[in-house]
Amino acid sequence: MSPVARYRALGMALALAVFLIDQGVKYWVTGPLGINQVGDVLPLLPIFALRFTQNFGVSLGMFTASSDAQRWMLVGVTALIALVVTVWLARERKLGEIVALALILGGALGNIRDRVQLGYVVDYADLHFGTFRPFLIFNIADAAISIGVVIILARAIFLRDKPDQHTHDRPDEAPETFR
C-alpha cells in the first residue's frame, strides 16, 4: 500500500472514530447520565456544564428546520456536503488536509444521524464564563467540524504550495506530508 493510500485509509478510520465517539458521548449524556430533556443540566466545572439542547438548525442556529420537509432538506444538503468531503478526502494527497477532511466528515455523519433518527441534533457541551458563552452549546461532531475547517483554512493561508521540482506520472507515487 502506498503512503498516500495509507493516509487516505487513516483519514477514513479517523472519520469513523469521530462518528463513533460523537455518538457514544451523546448516548452517554442522554442515556446513563439522564440529561435528555430541554433544560436538563449537569454542572461539571465553574465554566463547563452538560446542558441538553435540541438543535433544529445548522451551525450557529442558522437555517432552523421548522417542518419535516425542511428537516429532510437539511439532511439532504448536509449529506451532499458529506459526499463532497468524502470525494475530496479520497483524492487528497496531503496528510494535513486528509486529517482535516476526516474530522469534518466524521462530525457531519454524527450530526446527520441525529437529524435522521431524532429530527434534531443533540447538543450538550456548554462552555460559559458566568453568563458569557463564547460558543453556542455544541457537541463533539460540531467541535470536529470546526477544528477541521480551521485546519483547512490555516493550511490554505499559511502553507502555500510550492511548484513541484519533480513530475510524477502516478498520483500515488510521491506522497506529500504535513509540510
Foldseek 3Di string as FASTA:
>chain_A
DFPQVVLLVVLQVLLQVLQVVQVVVLCCCCPVVVQPDQPDWADDDLFKIFGKDWQQADAPNPQRDPDPVSLVVVLVVLVVVLVVLSVCLVQDQESLLSNLSSLLNSLSVNQSVCCVVPVTGIFTIFGGDVPHGPGDGGTSSVVSNVVSVVSVVCCVVPPDDDDDPDDDPDPSPDGHYPD
